[in-house]
Amino acid sequence: MPVRRQIVVALLLVVCGIGVLALPAGLEGPQVIRFGPGHGPSLLDLAGIVLLTPGGLWLLYLIFSRLAAARLPGGALFGVGAGFGLGLGLTIASVFADFAAWWIIGLSLVTLIEFFLIAGVWRRA
């Protein structure tokens, strides 16, 4: 399958998973697993995770397997890695240490970096 088609399919899985996860809390039901105070997926959340996880991992595979083709300079590559790590760290810390809304900043940073890298892969596909 061509790279651009793979990117589109992976993004569709991610968007569908996010759509399921964004459904109102009244539709979700009780928590199945508890991560911390107020955090834990319901059955509906798990369905969204089932869509989101393979799509996201497929997208990351496509990005990082073609990262050399993006021809980023060393400083930019360091910045991408540092920003990605910071974003993931903020997201994980906000869930397990209850850092209120810091997950929004973390996921926004990760999303911006992924869009930047997807654009680079898309141009060279």
N, C-alpha and C. Protein backbone atom coordinates (compact mmCIF):
# COMPACT_ATOMS: atom_id res chain seq x y z
N MET A 1 0.85 -1.17 0.00
CA MET A 1 0.00 0.00 0.00
C MET A 1 0.90 1.24 0.00
N PRO A 2 0.57 2.23 -0.83
CA PRO A 2 1.38 3.46 -0.86
C PRO A 2 1.40 4.17 0.49
N VAL A 3 2.48 4.90 0.73
CA VAL A 3 2.69 5.55 2.03
C VAL A 3 1.58 6.55 2.33
N ARG A 4 1.19 7.33 1.36
CA ARG A 4 0.15 8.34 1.61
C ARG A 4 -1.18 7.68 1.99
N ARG A 5 -1.51 6.59 1.37
CA ARG A 5 -2.75 5.88 1.73
C ARG A 5 -2.64 5.31 3.14
N GLN A 6 -1.47 4.80 3.50
CA GLN A 6 -1.27 4.30 4.86
C GLN A 6 -1.44 5.40 5.89
N ILE A 7 -0.92 6.59 5.57
CA ILE A 7 -1.06 7.72 6.49
C ILE A 7 -2.54 8.08 6.65
N VAL A 8 -3.29 8.11 5.56
CA VAL A 8 -4.71 8.45 5.63
C VAL A 8 -5.48 7.43 6.46
N VAL A 9 -5.22 6.13 6.25
CA VAL A 9 -5.92 5.09 7.02
C VAL A 9 -5.57 5.19 8.50
N ALA A 10 -4.30 5.39 8.80
CA ALA A 10 -3.88 5.52 10.20
C ALA A 10 -4.53 6.74 10.85
N LEU A 11 -4.57 7.86 10.14
CA LEU A 11 -5.21 9.06 10.69
C LEU A 11 -6.71 8.86 10.89
N LEU A 12 -7.37 8.12 9.99
CA LEU A 12 -8.79 7.82 10.17
C LEU A 12 -9.04 7.00 11.43
N LEU A 13 -8.20 6.00 11.68
CA LEU A 13 -8.32 5.22 12.91
C LEU A 13 -8.14 6.11 14.14
N VAL A 14 -7.16 6.99 14.10
CA VAL A 14 -6.91 7.89 15.22
C VAL A 14 -8.11 8.82 15.44
N VAL A 15 -8.63 9.41 14.37
CA VAL A 15 -9.75 10.33 14.50
C VAL A 15 -11.00 9.61 15.01
N CYS A 16 -11.27 8.41 14.53
CA CYS A 16 -12.42 7.64 15.01
C CYS A 16 -12.26 7.30 16.49
N GLY A 17 -11.05 6.90 16.89
CA GLY A 17 -10.79 6.60 18.29
C GLY A 17 -10.98 7.82 19.18
N ILE A 18 -10.50 8.97 18.73
CA ILE A 18 -10.67 10.21 19.49
C ILE A 18 -12.16 10.57 19.56
N GLY A 19 -12.88 10.35 18.46
CA GLY A 19 -14.32 10.62 18.46
C GLY A 19 -15.06 9.79 19.49
N VAL A 20 -14.71 8.52 19.61
CA VAL A 20 -15.35 7.66 20.61
C VAL A 20 -14.96 8.11 22.02
N LEU A 21 -13.70 8.45 22.21
CA LEU A 21 -13.24 8.91 23.53
C LEU A 21 -13.87 10.25 23.93
N ALA A 22 -14.25 11.06 22.96
CA ALA A 22 -14.81 12.38 23.24
C ALA A 22 -16.31 12.36 23.50
N LEU A 23 -16.93 11.19 23.43
CA LEU A 23 -18.37 11.12 23.70
C LEU A 23 -18.66 11.57 25.13
N PRO A 24 -19.85 12.10 25.37
CA PRO A 24 -20.18 12.62 26.71
C PRO A 24 -20.07 11.56 27.79
N ALA A 25 -19.74 12.00 28.99
CA ALA A 25 -19.55 11.08 30.12
C ALA A 25 -20.84 10.34 30.47
N GLY A 26 -21.99 10.89 30.15
CA GLY A 26 -23.25 10.22 30.44
C GLY A 26 -23.45 8.93 29.66
N LEU A 27 -22.77 8.80 28.54
CA LEU A 27 -22.88 7.59 27.72
C LEU A 27 -21.89 6.50 28.12
N GLU A 28 -20.90 6.85 28.90
CA GLU A 28 -19.77 5.96 29.15
C GLU A 28 -20.08 4.79 30.08
N GLY A 29 -20.72 5.04 31.17
CA GLY A 29 -20.92 3.98 32.15
C GLY A 29 -19.81 3.99 33.20
N PRO A 30 -19.77 2.95 34.03
CA PRO A 30 -18.80 2.93 35.12
C PRO A 30 -17.37 2.66 34.64
N GLN A 31 -16.40 3.05 35.47
CA GLN A 31 -14.99 2.80 35.17
C GLN A 31 -14.71 1.30 35.28
N VAL A 32 -13.96 0.79 34.32
CA VAL A 32 -13.56 -0.62 34.34
C VAL A 32 -12.22 -0.78 35.07
N ILE A 33 -11.31 0.18 34.82
CA ILE A 33 -9.98 0.18 35.43
C ILE A 33 -9.80 1.56 36.07
N ARG A 34 -9.14 1.61 37.22
CA ARG A 34 -8.91 2.89 37.91
C ARG A 34 -7.41 3.18 37.94
N PHE A 35 -7.01 4.34 37.36
CA PHE A 35 -5.61 4.75 37.34
C PHE A 35 -5.26 5.66 38.51
N GLY A 36 -6.18 6.46 38.90
CA GLY A 36 -5.95 7.42 39.96
C GLY A 36 -7.25 8.13 40.27
N PRO A 37 -7.22 9.16 41.08
CA PRO A 37 -8.46 9.85 41.43
C PRO A 37 -9.12 10.48 40.21
N GLY A 38 -10.27 9.97 39.84
CA GLY A 38 -11.01 10.50 38.70
C GLY A 38 -10.51 10.04 37.34
N HIS A 39 -9.55 9.14 37.29
CA HIS A 39 -9.00 8.68 36.02
C HIS A 39 -9.21 7.18 35.87
N GLY A 40 -9.74 6.79 34.73
CA GLY A 40 -9.91 5.38 34.43
C GLY A 40 -10.89 5.20 33.28
N PRO A 41 -10.65 4.25 32.39
CA PRO A 41 -11.51 4.07 31.23
C PRO A 41 -12.78 3.26 31.54
N SER A 42 -13.84 3.60 30.83
CA SER A 42 -15.06 2.80 30.85
C SER A 42 -15.00 1.83 29.67
N LEU A 43 -16.05 1.04 29.48
CA LEU A 43 -16.07 0.13 28.32
C LEU A 43 -16.06 0.91 27.01
N LEU A 44 -16.79 2.02 26.96
CA LEU A 44 -16.80 2.84 25.75
C LEU A 44 -15.43 3.45 25.49
N ASP A 45 -14.76 3.89 26.54
CA ASP A 45 -13.39 4.41 26.40
C ASP A 45 -12.46 3.33 25.86
N LEU A 46 -12.63 2.11 26.34
CA LEU A 46 -11.79 1.01 25.86
C LEU A 46 -12.01 0.76 24.37
N ALA A 47 -13.24 0.94 23.88
CA ALA A 47 -13.50 0.80 22.45
C ALA A 47 -12.75 1.88 21.67
N GLY A 48 -12.73 3.11 22.19
CA GLY A 48 -11.98 4.18 21.55
C GLY A 48 -10.49 3.91 21.56
N ILE A 49 -10.01 3.34 22.67
CA ILE A 49 -8.59 3.00 22.78
C ILE A 49 -8.21 1.92 21.78
N VAL A 50 -9.14 0.97 21.55
CA VAL A 50 -8.89 -0.11 20.59
C VAL A 50 -8.73 0.46 19.18
N LEU A 51 -9.42 1.52 18.84
CA LEU A 51 -9.25 2.17 17.54
C LEU A 51 -8.02 3.07 17.50
N LEU A 52 -7.82 3.80 18.58
CA LEU A 52 -6.75 4.80 18.63
C LEU A 52 -5.36 4.18 18.67
N THR A 53 -5.19 3.11 19.42
CA THR A 53 -3.86 2.53 19.62
C THR A 53 -3.23 2.00 18.33
N PRO A 54 -3.91 1.13 17.56
CA PRO A 54 -3.24 0.67 16.33
C PRO A 54 -3.02 1.79 15.32
N GLY A 55 -3.98 2.73 15.23
CA GLY A 55 -3.80 3.84 14.31
C GLY A 55 -2.62 4.72 14.70
N GLY A 56 -2.51 5.01 16.00
CA GLY A 56 -1.40 5.84 16.47
C GLY A 56 -0.05 5.16 16.34
N LEU A 57 -0.01 3.87 16.66
CA LEU A 57 1.26 3.13 16.53
C LEU A 57 1.67 2.99 15.07
N TRP A 58 0.70 2.76 14.19
CA TRP A 58 0.98 2.67 12.76
C TRP A 58 1.52 3.99 12.25
N LEU A 59 0.92 5.08 12.70
CA LEU A 59 1.38 6.41 12.31
C LEU A 59 2.80 6.67 12.80
N LEU A 60 3.07 6.31 14.05
CA LEU A 60 4.43 6.48 14.57
C LEU A 60 5.44 5.63 13.80
N TYR A 61 5.05 4.41 13.44
CA TYR A 61 5.93 3.56 12.64
C TYR A 61 6.23 4.22 11.30
N LEU A 62 5.19 4.75 10.64
CA LEU A 62 5.39 5.39 9.35
C LEU A 62 6.31 6.61 9.48
N ILE A 63 6.13 7.37 10.54
CA ILE A 63 6.95 8.57 10.74
C ILE A 63 8.40 8.18 10.99
N PHE A 64 8.63 7.30 11.96
CA PHE A 64 10.00 7.03 12.37
C PHE A 64 10.74 6.12 11.40
N SER A 65 10.04 5.31 10.62
CA SER A 65 10.74 4.50 9.62
C SER A 65 11.21 5.35 8.44
N ARG A 66 10.60 6.52 8.26
CA ARG A 66 10.99 7.41 7.18
C ARG A 66 11.59 8.71 7.67
N LEU A 67 12.04 8.72 8.91
CA LEU A 67 12.60 9.94 9.50
C LEU A 67 13.87 10.38 8.81
N ALA A 68 14.68 9.43 8.36
CA ALA A 68 15.92 9.78 7.66
C ALA A 68 15.62 10.51 6.35
N ALA A 69 14.52 10.14 5.70
CA ALA A 69 14.16 10.78 4.43
C ALA A 69 13.72 12.22 4.64
N ALA A 70 13.31 12.57 5.85
CA ALA A 70 12.88 13.94 6.13
C ALA A 70 14.06 14.91 6.13
N ARG A 71 15.28 14.39 6.30
CA ARG A 71 16.51 15.18 6.24
C ARG A 71 16.49 16.39 7.19
N LEU A 72 16.14 16.14 8.43
CA LEU A 72 16.15 17.21 9.43
C LEU A 72 17.58 17.45 9.91
N PRO A 73 17.95 18.70 10.12
CA PRO A 73 19.28 18.96 10.69
C PRO A 73 19.33 18.48 12.14
N GLY A 74 20.54 18.27 12.66
CA GLY A 74 20.71 17.72 14.00
C GLY A 74 19.99 18.49 15.09
N GLY A 75 20.04 19.81 15.03
CA GLY A 75 19.37 20.63 16.04
C GLY A 75 17.85 20.47 15.99
N ALA A 76 17.30 20.41 14.80
CA ALA A 76 15.86 20.23 14.66
C ALA A 76 15.44 18.86 15.16
N LEU A 77 16.25 17.85 14.85
CA LEU A 77 15.94 16.50 15.30
C LEU A 77 15.98 16.41 16.83
N PHE A 78 16.94 17.08 17.45
CA PHE A 78 17.00 17.13 18.92
C PHE A 78 15.77 17.83 19.48
N GLY A 79 15.38 18.94 18.87
CA GLY A 79 14.21 19.68 19.33
C GLY A 79 12.93 18.86 19.22
N VAL A 80 12.80 18.11 18.12
CA VAL A 80 11.63 17.24 17.94
C VAL A 80 11.60 16.18 19.02
N GLY A 81 12.73 15.55 19.28
CA GLY A 81 12.79 14.51 20.31
C GLY A 81 12.54 15.05 21.70
N ALA A 82 13.13 16.20 22.01
CA ALA A 82 12.95 16.82 23.33
C ALA A 82 11.50 17.25 23.53
N GLY A 83 10.91 17.85 22.51
CA GLY A 83 9.52 18.28 22.61
C GLY A 83 8.56 17.11 22.75
N PHE A 84 8.83 16.05 22.00
CA PHE A 84 8.00 14.86 22.07
C PHE A 84 8.08 14.24 23.47
N GLY A 85 9.29 14.14 24.00
CA GLY A 85 9.48 13.59 25.34
C GLY A 85 8.83 14.44 26.41
N LEU A 86 8.95 15.75 26.30
CA LEU A 86 8.32 16.65 27.25
C LEU A 86 6.80 16.52 27.21
N GLY A 87 6.25 16.46 26.00
CA GLY A 87 4.80 16.32 25.86
C GLY A 87 4.29 15.02 26.45
N LEU A 88 4.97 13.92 26.16
CA LEU A 88 4.55 12.64 26.75
C LEU A 88 4.71 12.65 28.26
N GLY A 89 5.79 13.23 28.74
CA GLY A 89 6.01 13.31 30.19
C GLY A 89 4.92 14.10 30.90
N LEU A 90 4.53 15.24 30.32
CA LEU A 90 3.45 16.04 30.92
C LEU A 90 2.13 15.27 30.92
N THR A 91 1.87 14.55 29.84
CA THR A 91 0.63 13.79 29.75
C THR A 91 0.58 12.68 30.79
N ILE A 92 1.63 11.92 30.90
CA ILE A 92 1.66 10.80 31.85
C ILE A 92 1.63 11.33 33.28
N ALA A 93 2.38 12.39 33.56
CA ALA A 93 2.40 12.94 34.91
C ALA A 93 1.04 13.50 35.30
N SER A 94 0.32 14.09 34.35
CA SER A 94 -0.98 14.66 34.69
C SER A 94 -1.99 13.58 35.04
N VAL A 95 -1.86 12.40 34.47
CA VAL A 95 -2.79 11.31 34.77
C VAL A 95 -2.46 10.69 36.13
N PHE A 96 -1.20 10.37 36.35
CA PHE A 96 -0.84 9.63 37.55
C PHE A 96 -0.60 10.51 38.77
N ALA A 97 -0.24 11.78 38.58
CA ALA A 97 0.01 12.66 39.72
C ALA A 97 -1.08 13.73 39.86
N ASP A 98 -2.11 13.66 39.01
CA ASP A 98 -3.25 14.57 39.07
C ASP A 98 -2.81 16.03 38.94
N PHE A 99 -2.11 16.34 37.84
CA PHE A 99 -1.67 17.70 37.54
C PHE A 99 -2.72 18.49 36.76
N ALA A 100 -3.95 18.34 37.11
CA ALA A 100 -5.08 19.07 36.53
C ALA A 100 -5.05 19.03 35.00
N ALA A 101 -4.90 20.18 34.36
CA ALA A 101 -5.05 20.26 32.91
C ALA A 101 -3.72 20.26 32.15
N TRP A 102 -2.64 19.84 32.76
CA TRP A 102 -1.36 19.81 32.07
C TRP A 102 -1.34 18.82 30.91
N TRP A 103 -2.24 17.85 30.92
CA TRP A 103 -2.30 16.88 29.83
C TRP A 103 -2.64 17.58 28.51
N ILE A 104 -3.37 18.68 28.58
CA ILE A 104 -3.74 19.41 27.36
C ILE A 104 -2.49 19.98 26.71
N ILE A 105 -1.61 20.54 27.49
CA ILE A 105 -0.36 21.10 26.97
C ILE A 105 0.52 19.99 26.41
N GLY A 106 0.62 18.88 27.15
CA GLY A 106 1.44 17.75 26.70
C GLY A 106 0.96 17.16 25.41
N LEU A 107 -0.33 16.87 25.31
CA LEU A 107 -0.85 16.27 24.08
C LEU A 107 -0.85 17.25 22.92
N SER A 108 -1.02 18.54 23.20
CA SER A 108 -0.93 19.53 22.13
C SER A 108 0.48 19.58 21.55
N LEU A 109 1.47 19.52 22.41
CA LEU A 109 2.86 19.52 21.96
C LEU A 109 3.17 18.28 21.12
N VAL A 110 2.75 17.11 21.60
CA VAL A 110 2.97 15.87 20.85
C VAL A 110 2.25 15.92 19.50
N THR A 111 1.02 16.42 19.48
CA THR A 111 0.24 16.50 18.25
C THR A 111 0.89 17.43 17.23
N LEU A 112 1.36 18.59 17.68
CA LEU A 112 2.03 19.52 16.76
C LEU A 112 3.28 18.90 16.15
N ILE A 113 4.05 18.21 16.97
CA ILE A 113 5.27 17.57 16.47
C ILE A 113 4.93 16.46 15.48
N GLU A 114 3.90 15.67 15.78
CA GLU A 114 3.50 14.61 14.86
C GLU A 114 3.02 15.19 13.53
N PHE A 115 2.24 16.27 13.56
CA PHE A 115 1.79 16.88 12.30
C PHE A 115 2.98 17.41 11.50
N PHE A 116 3.95 17.98 12.16
CA PHE A 116 5.16 18.46 11.49
C PHE A 116 5.88 17.30 10.79
N LEU A 117 6.03 16.18 11.51
CA LEU A 117 6.72 15.02 10.93
C LEU A 117 5.89 14.34 9.84
N ILE A 118 4.57 14.28 10.02
CA ILE A 118 3.70 13.70 8.98
C ILE A 118 3.80 14.52 7.70
N ALA A 119 3.82 15.83 7.82
CA ALA A 119 3.95 16.69 6.64
C ALA A 119 5.26 16.41 5.91
N GLY A 120 6.33 16.20 6.67
CA GLY A 120 7.61 15.88 6.05
C GLY A 120 7.60 14.54 5.33
N VAL A 121 6.98 13.55 5.94
CA VAL A 121 6.87 12.22 5.30
C VAL A 121 5.97 12.31 4.08
N TRP A 122 4.86 13.04 4.19
CA TRP A 122 3.91 13.16 3.09
C TRP A 122 4.57 13.80 1.87
N ARG A 123 5.37 14.85 2.10
CA ARG A 123 6.04 15.54 0.97
C ARG A 123 7.02 14.64 0.24
N ARG A 124 7.67 13.75 0.97
CA ARG A 124 8.69 12.92 0.36
C ARG A 124 8.19 11.53 -0.03
N ALA A 125 6.90 11.28 0.09
CA ALA A 125 6.33 9.97 -0.26
C ALA A 125 6.11 9.84 -1.75
